PDB file of all heavy atoms in Angstrom:
ATOM      1  N   TRP A   1       7.786  -2.669  17.854  1.00  0.00           N
ATOM      2  CA  TRP A   1       7.090  -2.216  16.648  1.00  0.00           C
ATOM      3  C   TRP A   1       7.823  -2.673  15.394  1.00  0.00           C
ATOM      4  O   TRP A   1       7.219  -3.181  14.456  1.00  0.00           O
ATOM      5  CB  TRP A   1       6.938  -0.690  16.663  1.00  0.00           C
ATOM      6  CG  TRP A   1       6.191  -0.179  15.479  1.00  0.00           C
ATOM      7  CD1 TRP A   1       4.832  -0.170  15.303  1.00  0.00           C
ATOM      8  CD2 TRP A   1       6.739   0.360  14.287  1.00  0.00           C
ATOM      9  NE1 TRP A   1       4.515   0.355  14.076  1.00  0.00           N
ATOM     10  CE2 TRP A   1       5.670   0.691  13.433  1.00  0.00           C
ATOM     11  CE3 TRP A   1       8.043   0.595  13.850  1.00  0.00           C
ATOM     12  CZ2 TRP A   1       5.851   1.252  12.173  1.00  0.00           C
ATOM     13  CZ3 TRP A   1       8.225   1.154  12.587  1.00  0.00           C
ATOM     14  CH2 TRP A   1       7.145   1.469  11.775  1.00  0.00           C
ATOM     15  N   ARG A   2       9.147  -2.516  15.385  1.00  0.00           N
ATOM     16  CA  ARG A   2       9.932  -2.948  14.225  1.00  0.00           C
ATOM     17  C   ARG A   2       9.851  -4.472  14.061  1.00  0.00           C
ATOM     18  O   ARG A   2       9.786  -4.971  12.944  1.00  0.00           O
ATOM     19  CB  ARG A   2      11.379  -2.472  14.359  1.00  0.00           C
ATOM     20  CG  ARG A   2      11.502  -0.956  14.195  1.00  0.00           C
ATOM     21  CD  ARG A   2      12.925  -0.476  14.430  1.00  0.00           C
ATOM     22  NE  ARG A   2      13.851  -0.976  13.442  1.00  0.00           N
ATOM     23  CZ  ARG A   2      14.174  -0.346  12.309  1.00  0.00           C
ATOM     24  NH1 ARG A   2      13.629   0.814  12.032  1.00  0.00           N
ATOM     25  NH2 ARG A   2      15.039  -0.876  11.476  1.00  0.00           N
ATOM     26  N   CYS A   3       9.865  -5.204  15.182  1.00  0.00           N
ATOM     27  CA  CYS A   3       9.696  -6.666  15.115  1.00  0.00           C
ATOM     28  C   CYS A   3       8.384  -7.015  14.424  1.00  0.00           C
ATOM     29  O   CYS A   3       8.350  -7.898  13.561  1.00  0.00           O
ATOM     30  CB  CYS A   3       9.707  -7.281  16.515  1.00  0.00           C
ATOM     31  SG  CYS A   3      11.319  -7.460  17.241  1.00  0.00           S
ATOM     32  N   ASN A   4       7.328  -6.332  14.807  1.00  0.00           N
ATOM     33  CA  ASN A   4       6.022  -6.592  14.185  1.00  0.00           C
ATOM     34  C   ASN A   4       6.042  -6.298  12.691  1.00  0.00           C
ATOM     35  O   ASN A   4       5.449  -7.033  11.902  1.00  0.00           O
ATOM     36  CB  ASN A   4       4.922  -5.785  14.878  1.00  0.00           C
ATOM     37  CG  ASN A   4       4.615  -6.293  16.262  1.00  0.00           C
ATOM     38  OD1 ASN A   4       4.863  -7.453  16.585  1.00  0.00           O
ATOM     39  ND2 ASN A   4       4.090  -5.423  17.105  1.00  0.00           N
ATOM     40  N   CYS A   5       6.722  -5.232  12.300  1.00  0.00           N
ATOM     41  CA  CYS A   5       6.829  -4.895  10.878  1.00  0.00           C
ATOM     42  C   CYS A   5       7.565  -5.994  10.108  1.00  0.00           C
ATOM     43  O   CYS A   5       7.108  -6.432   9.043  1.00  0.00           O
ATOM     44  CB  CYS A   5       7.553  -3.562  10.694  1.00  0.00           C
ATOM     45  SG  CYS A   5       6.642  -2.122  11.280  1.00  0.00           S
ATOM     46  N   TYR A   6       8.707  -6.422  10.636  1.00  0.00           N
ATOM     47  CA  TYR A   6       9.470  -7.476   9.955  1.00  0.00           C
ATOM     48  C   TYR A   6       8.702  -8.801   9.928  1.00  0.00           C
ATOM     49  O   TYR A   6       8.746  -9.530   8.943  1.00  0.00           O
ATOM     50  CB  TYR A   6      10.844  -7.662  10.605  1.00  0.00           C
ATOM     51  CG  TYR A   6      11.797  -6.547  10.270  1.00  0.00           C
ATOM     52  CD1 TYR A   6      12.357  -5.752  11.266  1.00  0.00           C
ATOM     53  CD2 TYR A   6      12.155  -6.270   8.952  1.00  0.00           C
ATOM     54  CE1 TYR A   6      13.240  -4.725  10.966  1.00  0.00           C
ATOM     55  CE2 TYR A   6      13.039  -5.244   8.635  1.00  0.00           C
ATOM     56  CZ  TYR A   6      13.572  -4.476   9.641  1.00  0.00           C
ATOM     57  OH  TYR A   6      14.438  -3.463   9.335  1.00  0.00           O
ATOM     58  N   ARG A   7       7.992  -9.108  10.999  1.00  0.00           N
ATOM     59  CA  ARG A   7       7.194 -10.338  11.041  1.00  0.00           C
ATOM     60  C   ARG A   7       6.096 -10.295   9.969  1.00  0.00           C
ATOM     61  O   ARG A   7       5.894 -11.254   9.234  1.00  0.00           O
ATOM     62  CB  ARG A   7       6.578 -10.528  12.419  1.00  0.00           C
ATOM     63  CG  ARG A   7       5.792 -11.832  12.561  1.00  0.00           C
ATOM     64  CD  ARG A   7       5.225 -12.024  13.965  1.00  0.00           C
ATOM     65  NE  ARG A   7       6.309 -12.164  14.944  1.00  0.00           N
ATOM     66  CZ  ARG A   7       6.637 -11.234  15.855  1.00  0.00           C
ATOM     67  NH1 ARG A   7       5.973 -10.110  15.944  1.00  0.00           N
ATOM     68  NH2 ARG A   7       7.631 -11.452  16.691  1.00  0.00           N
ATOM     69  N   LEU A   8       5.399  -9.172   9.896  1.00  0.00           N
ATOM     70  CA  LEU A   8       4.338  -9.010   8.902  1.00  0.00           C
ATOM     71  C   LEU A   8       4.904  -9.070   7.485  1.00  0.00           C
ATOM     72  O   LEU A   8       4.327  -9.709   6.602  1.00  0.00           O
ATOM     73  CB  LEU A   8       3.598  -7.694   9.127  1.00  0.00           C
ATOM     74  CG  LEU A   8       2.438  -7.399   8.185  1.00  0.00           C
ATOM     75  CD1 LEU A   8       1.370  -8.480   8.280  1.00  0.00           C
ATOM     76  CD2 LEU A   8       1.856  -6.027   8.513  1.00  0.00           C
ATOM     77  N   LEU A   9       6.036  -8.425   7.277  1.00  0.00           N
ATOM     78  CA  LEU A   9       6.670  -8.445   5.963  1.00  0.00           C
ATOM     79  C   LEU A   9       7.039  -9.874   5.557  1.00  0.00           C
ATOM     80  O   LEU A   9       6.730 -10.310   4.436  1.00  0.00           O
ATOM     81  CB  LEU A   9       7.912  -7.559   5.965  1.00  0.00           C
ATOM     82  CG  LEU A   9       8.664  -7.472   4.649  1.00  0.00           C
ATOM     83  CD1 LEU A   9       7.793  -6.860   3.553  1.00  0.00           C
ATOM     84  CD2 LEU A   9       9.940  -6.658   4.827  1.00  0.00           C
ATOM     85  N   ALA A  10       7.685 -10.614   6.452  1.00  0.00           N
ATOM     86  CA  ALA A  10       8.078 -11.993   6.144  1.00  0.00           C
ATOM     87  C   ALA A  10       6.854 -12.856   5.842  1.00  0.00           C
ATOM     88  O   ALA A  10       6.853 -13.645   4.896  1.00  0.00           O
ATOM     89  CB  ALA A  10       8.884 -12.594   7.299  1.00  0.00           C
ATOM     90  N   THR A  11       5.812 -12.687   6.630  1.00  0.00           N
ATOM     91  CA  THR A  11       4.584 -13.466   6.434  1.00  0.00           C
ATOM     92  C   THR A  11       3.938 -13.146   5.096  1.00  0.00           C
ATOM     93  O   THR A  11       3.541 -14.050   4.351  1.00  0.00           O
ATOM     94  CB  THR A  11       3.595 -13.187   7.588  1.00  0.00           C
ATOM     95  OG1 THR A  11       4.214 -13.573   8.818  1.00  0.00           O
ATOM     96  CG2 THR A  11       2.297 -13.950   7.408  1.00  0.00           C
ATOM     97  N   ASN A  12       3.838 -11.859   4.783  1.00  0.00           N
ATOM     98  CA  ASN A  12       3.215 -11.465   3.520  1.00  0.00           C
ATOM     99  C   ASN A  12       4.038 -11.895   2.317  1.00  0.00           C
ATOM    100  O   ASN A  12       3.491 -12.367   1.321  1.00  0.00           O
ATOM    101  CB  ASN A  12       2.973  -9.956   3.486  1.00  0.00           C
ATOM    102  CG  ASN A  12       1.820  -9.540   4.370  1.00  0.00           C
ATOM    103  OD1 ASN A  12       1.040 -10.370   4.818  1.00  0.00           O
ATOM    104  ND2 ASN A  12       1.717  -8.257   4.633  1.00  0.00           N
ATOM    105  N   LEU A  13       5.354 -11.757   2.406  1.00  0.00           N
ATOM    106  CA  LEU A  13       6.202 -12.197   1.297  1.00  0.00           C
ATOM    107  C   LEU A  13       6.087 -13.704   1.078  1.00  0.00           C
ATOM    108  O   LEU A  13       6.069 -14.170  -0.066  1.00  0.00           O
ATOM    109  CB  LEU A  13       7.657 -11.793   1.540  1.00  0.00           C
ATOM    110  CG  LEU A  13       7.973 -10.307   1.405  1.00  0.00           C
ATOM    111  CD1 LEU A  13       9.396 -10.030   1.857  1.00  0.00           C
ATOM    112  CD2 LEU A  13       7.750  -9.819  -0.022  1.00  0.00           C
ATOM    113  N   ALA A  14       6.005 -14.459   2.147  1.00  0.00           N
ATOM    114  CA  ALA A  14       5.837 -15.914   2.011  1.00  0.00           C
ATOM    115  C   ALA A  14       4.508 -16.233   1.328  1.00  0.00           C
ATOM    116  O   ALA A  14       4.441 -17.148   0.488  1.00  0.00           O
ATOM    117  CB  ALA A  14       5.916 -16.587   3.380  1.00  0.00           C
ATOM    118  N   ALA A  15       3.469 -15.482   1.658  1.00  0.00           N
ATOM    119  CA  ALA A  15       2.164 -15.696   1.014  1.00  0.00           C
ATOM    120  C   ALA A  15       2.223 -15.325  -0.467  1.00  0.00           C
ATOM    121  O   ALA A  15       1.663 -16.033  -1.315  1.00  0.00           O
ATOM    122  CB  ALA A  15       1.088 -14.892   1.727  1.00  0.00           C
ATOM    123  N   TYR A  16       2.893 -14.209  -0.794  1.00  0.00           N
ATOM    124  CA  TYR A  16       3.046 -13.822  -2.201  1.00  0.00           C
ATOM    125  C   TYR A  16       3.796 -14.907  -2.969  1.00  0.00           C
ATOM    126  O   TYR A  16       3.411 -15.290  -4.072  1.00  0.00           O
ATOM    127  CB  TYR A  16       3.827 -12.511  -2.340  1.00  0.00           C
ATOM    128  CG  TYR A  16       3.175 -11.303  -1.745  1.00  0.00           C
ATOM    129  CD1 TYR A  16       3.939 -10.340  -1.104  1.00  0.00           C
ATOM    130  CD2 TYR A  16       1.794 -11.094  -1.810  1.00  0.00           C
ATOM    131  CE1 TYR A  16       3.364  -9.210  -0.538  1.00  0.00           C
ATOM    132  CE2 TYR A  16       1.215  -9.977  -1.258  1.00  0.00           C
ATOM    133  CZ  TYR A  16       1.999  -9.037  -0.627  1.00  0.00           C
ATOM    134  OH  TYR A  16       1.434  -7.918  -0.082  1.00  0.00           O
ATOM    135  N   LYS A  17       4.878 -15.394  -2.373  1.00  0.00           N
ATOM    136  CA  LYS A  17       5.685 -16.429  -3.032  1.00  0.00           C
ATOM    137  C   LYS A  17       4.853 -17.684  -3.276  1.00  0.00           C
ATOM    138  O   LYS A  17       4.877 -18.245  -4.377  1.00  0.00           O
ATOM    139  CB  LYS A  17       6.909 -16.752  -2.182  1.00  0.00           C
ATOM    140  CG  LYS A  17       7.779 -17.836  -2.777  1.00  0.00           C
ATOM    141  CD  LYS A  17       8.934 -18.167  -1.846  1.00  0.00           C
ATOM    142  CE  LYS A  17       9.545 -19.484  -2.235  1.00  0.00           C
ATOM    143  NZ  LYS A  17      10.390 -20.012  -1.197  1.00  0.00           N
ATOM    144  N   LYS A  18       4.112 -18.111  -2.281  1.00  0.00           N
ATOM    145  CA  LYS A  18       3.274 -19.310  -2.421  1.00  0.00           C
ATOM    146  C   LYS A  18       2.239 -19.114  -3.527  1.00  0.00           C
ATOM    147  O   LYS A  18       2.055 -19.988  -4.387  1.00  0.00           O
ATOM    148  CB  LYS A  18       2.587 -19.618  -1.092  1.00  0.00           C
ATOM    149  CG  LYS A  18       1.736 -20.875  -1.112  1.00  0.00           C
ATOM    150  CD  LYS A  18       1.160 -21.153   0.285  1.00  0.00           C
ATOM    151  CE  LYS A  18       0.519 -22.513   0.343  1.00  0.00           C
ATOM    152  NZ  LYS A  18      -0.862 -22.543   0.141  1.00  0.00           N
ATOM    153  N   SER A  19       1.584 -17.973  -3.533  1.00  0.00           N
ATOM    154  CA  SER A  19       0.571 -17.690  -4.555  1.00  0.00           C
ATOM    155  C   SER A  19       1.200 -17.615  -5.944  1.00  0.00           C
ATOM    156  O   SER A  19       0.615 -18.078  -6.926  1.00  0.00           O
ATOM    157  CB  SER A  19      -0.148 -16.381  -4.249  1.00  0.00           C
ATOM    158  OG  SER A  19      -0.912 -16.508  -3.070  1.00  0.00           O
ATOM    159  N   LEU A  20       2.393 -17.028  -6.032  1.00  0.00           N
ATOM    160  CA  LEU A  20       3.099 -16.941  -7.307  1.00  0.00           C
ATOM    161  C   LEU A  20       3.396 -18.330  -7.855  1.00  0.00           C
ATOM    162  O   LEU A  20       3.080 -18.641  -9.003  1.00  0.00           O
ATOM    163  CB  LEU A  20       4.408 -16.164  -7.122  1.00  0.00           C
ATOM    164  CG  LEU A  20       5.353 -16.151  -8.321  1.00  0.00           C
ATOM    165  CD1 LEU A  20       4.787 -15.265  -9.413  1.00  0.00           C
ATOM    166  CD2 LEU A  20       6.735 -15.670  -7.895  1.00  0.00           C
ATOM    167  N   VAL A  21       3.975 -19.173  -7.016  1.00  0.00           N
ATOM    168  CA  VAL A  21       4.370 -20.522  -7.433  1.00  0.00           C
ATOM    169  C   VAL A  21       3.136 -21.355  -7.803  1.00  0.00           C
ATOM    170  O   VAL A  21       3.181 -22.160  -8.724  1.00  0.00           O
ATOM    171  CB  VAL A  21       5.212 -21.199  -6.332  1.00  0.00           C
ATOM    172  CG1 VAL A  21       5.450 -22.657  -6.625  1.00  0.00           C
ATOM    173  CG2 VAL A  21       6.540 -20.458  -6.175  1.00  0.00           C
ATOM    174  N   GLU A  22       2.035 -21.110  -7.103  1.00  0.00           N
ATOM    175  CA  GLU A  22       0.794 -21.845  -7.396  1.00  0.00           C
ATOM    176  C   GLU A  22       0.008 -21.252  -8.561  1.00  0.00           C
ATOM    177  O   GLU A  22      -1.032 -21.784  -8.934  1.00  0.00           O
ATOM    178  CB  GLU A  22      -0.083 -21.876  -6.143  1.00  0.00           C
ATOM    179  CG  GLU A  22       0.504 -22.717  -5.027  1.00  0.00           C
ATOM    180  CD  GLU A  22      -0.290 -22.632  -3.733  1.00  0.00           C
ATOM    181  OE1 GLU A  22      -1.244 -21.810  -3.634  1.00  0.00           O
ATOM    182  OE2 GLU A  22       0.039 -23.397  -2.804  1.00  0.00           O
ATOM    183  N   GLY A  23       0.488 -20.152  -9.134  1.00  0.00           N
ATOM    184  CA  GLY A  23      -0.169 -19.547 -10.288  1.00  0.00           C
ATOM    185  C   GLY A  23      -1.402 -18.724  -9.960  1.00  0.00           C
ATOM    186  O   GLY A  23      -2.228 -18.464 -10.830  1.00  0.00           O
ATOM    187  N   ARG A  24      -1.516 -18.280  -8.718  1.00  0.00           N
ATOM    188  CA  ARG A  24      -2.705 -17.522  -8.310  1.00  0.00           C
ATOM    189  C   ARG A  24      -2.505 -16.008  -8.344  1.00  0.00           C
ATOM    190  O   ARG A  24      -3.437 -15.275  -8.057  1.00  0.00           O
ATOM    191  CB  ARG A  24      -3.151 -17.951  -6.914  1.00  0.00           C
ATOM    192  CG  ARG A  24      -3.632 -19.409  -6.884  1.00  0.00           C
ATOM    193  CD  ARG A  24      -4.161 -19.817  -5.521  1.00  0.00           C
ATOM    194  NE  ARG A  24      -3.072 -19.888  -4.559  1.00  0.00           N
ATOM    195  CZ  ARG A  24      -3.110 -19.360  -3.331  1.00  0.00           C
ATOM    196  NH1 ARG A  24      -4.168 -18.739  -2.910  1.00  0.00           N
ATOM    197  NH2 ARG A  24      -2.083 -19.487  -2.528  1.00  0.00           N
ATOM    198  N   LEU A  25      -1.330 -15.532  -8.702  1.00  0.00           N
ATOM    199  CA  LEU A  25      -1.077 -14.092  -8.721  1.00  0.00           C
ATOM    200  C   LEU A  25      -1.230 -13.474 -10.102  1.00  0.00           C
ATOM    201  O   LEU A  25      -1.165 -12.268 -10.239  1.00  0.00           O
ATOM    202  CB  LEU A  25       0.342 -13.780  -8.233  1.00  0.00           C
ATOM    203  CG  LEU A  25       0.579 -13.783  -6.752  1.00  0.00           C
ATOM    204  CD1 LEU A  25       2.002 -13.338  -6.449  1.00  0.00           C
ATOM    205  CD2 LEU A  25      -0.393 -12.879  -6.032  1.00  0.00           C
ATOM    206  N   GLY A  26      -1.420 -14.272 -11.095  1.00  0.00           N
ATOM    207  CA  GLY A  26      -1.399 -13.739 -12.458  1.00  0.00           C
ATOM    208  C   GLY A  26       0.031 -13.753 -12.966  1.00  0.00           C
ATOM    209  O   GLY A  26       0.983 -14.001 -12.229  1.00  0.00           O
ATOM    210  N   ALA A  27       0.154 -13.479 -14.230  1.00  0.00           N
ATOM    211  CA  ALA A  27       1.466 -13.554 -14.872  1.00  0.00           C
ATOM    212  C   ALA A  27       2.342 -12.364 -14.473  1.00  0.00           C
ATOM    213  O   ALA A  27       1.845 -11.244 -14.349  1.00  0.00           O
ATOM    214  CB  ALA A  27       1.299 -13.591 -16.382  1.00  0.00           C
ATOM    215  N   PRO A  28       3.633 -12.610 -14.293  1.00  0.00           N
ATOM    216  CA  PRO A  28       4.558 -11.497 -14.069  1.00  0.00           C
ATOM    217  C   PRO A  28       4.537 -10.555 -15.268  1.00  0.00           C
ATOM    218  O   PRO A  28       4.272 -10.963 -16.395  1.00  0.00           O
ATOM    219  CB  PRO A  28       5.922 -12.181 -13.954  1.00  0.00           C
ATOM    220  CG  PRO A  28       5.619 -13.585 -13.537  1.00  0.00           C
ATOM    221  CD  PRO A  28       4.308 -13.905 -14.208  1.00  0.00           C
ATOM    222  N   GLY A  29       4.821  -9.306 -15.004  1.00  0.00           N
ATOM    223  CA  GLY A  29       4.868  -8.317 -16.078  1.00  0.00           C
ATOM    224  C   GLY A  29       3.564  -7.580 -16.273  1.00  0.00           C
ATOM    225  O   GLY A  29       3.408  -6.820 -17.223  1.00  0.00           O
ATOM    226  N   GLY A  30       2.636  -7.764 -15.371  1.00  0.00           N
ATOM    227  CA  GLY A  30       1.332  -7.118 -15.506  1.00  0.00           C
ATOM    228  C   GLY A  30       1.298  -5.674 -15.041  1.00  0.00           C
ATOM    229  O   GLY A  30       0.270  -5.009 -15.141  1.00  0.00           O
ATOM    230  N   GLY A  31       2.400  -5.182 -14.517  1.00  0.00           N
ATOM    231  CA  GLY A  31       2.479  -3.794 -14.094  1.00  0.00           C
ATOM    232  C   GLY A  31       2.069  -3.532 -12.662  1.00  0.00           C
ATOM    233  O   GLY A  31       2.158  -2.407 -12.188  1.00  0.00           O
ATOM    234  N   ALA A  32       1.613  -4.550 -11.956  1.00  0.00           N
ATOM    235  CA  ALA A  32       1.206  -4.373 -10.552  1.00  0.00           C
ATOM    236  C   ALA A  32       2.236  -5.010  -9.637  1.00  0.00           C
ATOM    237  O   ALA A  32       2.737  -6.097  -9.914  1.00  0.00           O
ATOM    238  CB  ALA A  32      -0.156  -5.013 -10.309  1.00  0.00           C
ATOM    239  N   GLY A  33       2.534  -4.327  -8.562  1.00  0.00           N
ATOM    240  CA  GLY A  33       3.433  -4.874  -7.550  1.00  0.00           C
ATOM    241  C   GLY A  33       2.620  -5.510  -6.437  1.00  0.00           C
ATOM    242  O   GLY A  33       1.415  -5.727  -6.570  1.00  0.00           O
ATOM    243  N   TRP A  34       3.286  -5.795  -5.335  1.00  0.00           N
ATOM    244  CA  TRP A  34       2.636  -6.443  -4.200  1.00  0.00           C
ATOM    245  C   TRP A  34       2.319  -5.455  -3.092  1.00  0.00           C
ATOM    246  O   TRP A  34       1.597  -5.786  -2.168  1.00  0.00           O
ATOM    247  CB  TRP A  34       3.536  -7.531  -3.632  1.00  0.00           C
ATOM    248  CG  TRP A  34       3.891  -8.614  -4.577  1.00  0.00           C
ATOM    249  CD1 TRP A  34       3.124  -9.090  -5.592  1.00  0.00           C
ATOM    250  CD2 TRP A  34       5.092  -9.374  -4.593  1.00  0.00           C
ATOM    251  NE1 TRP A  34       3.780 -10.106  -6.240  1.00  0.00           N
ATOM    252  CE2 TRP A  34       4.985 -10.301  -5.642  1.00  0.00           C
ATOM    253  CE3 TRP A  34       6.234  -9.369  -3.816  1.00  0.00           C
ATOM    254  CZ2 TRP A  34       5.987 -11.210  -5.949  1.00  0.00           C
ATOM    255  CZ3 TRP A  34       7.235 -10.273  -4.112  1.00  0.00           C
ATOM    256  CH2 TRP A  34       7.112 -11.182  -5.166  1.00  0.00           C
ATOM    257  N   GLY A  35       2.921  -4.289  -3.128  1.00  0.00           N
ATOM    258  CA  GLY A  35       2.727  -3.324  -2.062  1.00  0.00           C
ATOM    259  C   GLY A  35       3.739  -3.445  -0.934  1.00  0.00           C
ATOM    260  O   GLY A  35       3.706  -2.660   0.010  1.00  0.00           O
ATOM    261  N   ALA A  36       4.620  -4.408  -1.017  1.00  0.00           N
ATOM    262  CA  ALA A  36       5.599  -4.614   0.058  1.00  0.00           C
ATOM    263  C   ALA A  36       6.585  -3.453   0.142  1.00  0.00           C
ATOM    264  O   ALA A  36       6.931  -2.999   1.233  1.00  0.00           O
ATOM    265  CB  ALA A  36       6.338  -5.934  -0.141  1.00  0.00           C
ATOM    266  N   GLY A  37       7.019  -2.975  -0.994  1.00  0.00           N
ATOM    267  CA  GLY A  37       7.932  -1.829  -1.006  1.00  0.00           C
ATOM    268  C   GLY A  37       7.276  -0.587  -0.428  1.00  0.00           C
ATOM    269  O   GLY A  37       7.891   0.166   0.326  1.00  0.00           O
ATOM    270  N   LYS A  38       6.014  -0.392  -0.748  1.00  0.00           N
ATOM    271  CA  LYS A  38       5.264   0.752  -0.209  1.00  0.00           C
ATOM    272  C   LYS A  38       5.120   0.622   1.298  1.00  0.00           C
ATOM    273  O   LYS A  38       5.270   1.605   2.026  1.00  0.00           O
ATOM    274  CB  LYS A  38       3.894   0.827  -0.868  1.00  0.00           C
ATOM    275  CG  LYS A  38       2.949   1.821  -0.230  1.00  0.00           C
ATOM    276  CD  LYS A  38       2.583   2.921  -1.170  1.00  0.00           C
ATOM    277  CE  LYS A  38       1.540   3.873  -0.632  1.00  0.00           C
ATOM    278  NZ  LYS A  38       1.814   4.537   0.595  1.00  0.00           N
ATOM    279  N   ALA A  39       4.838  -0.586   1.758  1.00  0.00           N
ATOM    280  CA  ALA A  39       4.709  -0.796   3.206  1.00  0.00           C
ATOM    281  C   ALA A  39       6.014  -0.443   3.914  1.00  0.00           C
ATOM    282  O   ALA A  39       6.001   0.248   4.936  1.00  0.00           O
ATOM    283  CB  ALA A  39       4.312  -2.238   3.501  1.00  0.00           C
ATOM    284  N   LEU A  40       7.133  -0.880   3.360  1.00  0.00           N
ATOM    285  CA  LEU A  40       8.426  -0.558   3.976  1.00  0.00           C
ATOM    286  C   LEU A  40       8.635   0.947   4.040  1.00  0.00           C
ATOM    287  O   LEU A  40       9.105   1.479   5.043  1.00  0.00           O
ATOM    288  CB  LEU A  40       9.569  -1.202   3.189  1.00  0.00           C
ATOM    289  CG  LEU A  40       9.856  -2.654   3.479  1.00  0.00           C
ATOM    290  CD1 LEU A  40      10.869  -3.202   2.497  1.00  0.00           C
ATOM    291  CD2 LEU A  40      10.342  -2.833   4.895  1.00  0.00           C
ATOM    292  N   SER A  41       8.273   1.630   2.982  1.00  0.00           N
ATOM    293  CA  SER A  41       8.398   3.078   2.946  1.00  0.00           C
ATOM    294  C   SER A  41       7.483   3.731   3.984  1.00  0.00           C
ATOM    295  O   SER A  41       7.901   4.629   4.722  1.00  0.00           O
ATOM    296  CB  SER A  41       8.058   3.577   1.546  1.00  0.00           C
ATOM    297  OG  SER A  41       8.079   4.977   1.502  1.00  0.00           O
ATOM    298  N   ASP A  42       6.245   3.277   4.036  1.00  0.00           N
ATOM    299  CA  ASP A  42       5.282   3.828   4.995  1.00  0.00           C
ATOM    300  C   ASP A  42       5.724   3.582   6.440  1.00  0.00           C
ATOM    301  O   ASP A  42       5.512   4.425   7.306  1.00  0.00           O
ATOM    302  CB  ASP A  42       3.889   3.227   4.789  1.00  0.00           C
ATOM    303  CG  ASP A  42       3.220   3.711   3.511  1.00  0.00           C
ATOM    304  OD1 ASP A  42       3.739   4.657   2.870  1.00  0.00           O
ATOM    305  OD2 ASP A  42       2.186   3.123   3.145  1.00  0.00           O
ATOM    306  N   TRP A  43       6.303   2.424   6.689  1.00  0.00           N
ATOM    307  CA  TRP A  43       6.749   2.092   8.051  1.00  0.00           C
ATOM    308  C   TRP A  43       8.002   2.866   8.435  1.00  0.00           C
ATOM    309  O   TRP A  43       8.350   2.938   9.605  1.00  0.00           O
ATOM    310  CB  TRP A  43       7.021   0.602   8.177  1.00  0.00           C
ATOM    311  CG  TRP A  43       5.810  -0.264   8.057  1.00  0.00           C
ATOM    312  CD1 TRP A  43       4.519   0.095   8.318  1.00  0.00           C
ATOM    313  CD2 TRP A  43       5.771  -1.625   7.664  1.00  0.00           C
ATOM    314  NE1 TRP A  43       3.686  -0.968   8.094  1.00  0.00           N
ATOM    315  CE2 TRP A  43       4.422  -2.040   7.695  1.00  0.00           C
ATOM    316  CE3 TRP A  43       6.744  -2.546   7.284  1.00  0.00           C
ATOM    317  CZ2 TRP A  43       4.019  -3.324   7.362  1.00  0.00           C
ATOM    318  CZ3 TRP A  43       6.357  -3.832   6.941  1.00  0.00           C
ATOM    319  CH2 TRP A  43       4.999  -4.217   6.988  1.00  0.00           C
TER     320      TRP A  43
END
């Protein structure tokens, strides 16, 4: 179960990073996070 959590986290973070670099996430400082911290807390 923990392996699955870490795998999902790594995959999602890589997608966020790619979208950020490609300019598809919007500008930083908009007040919205990615939800990754919440997922870690929930897990």
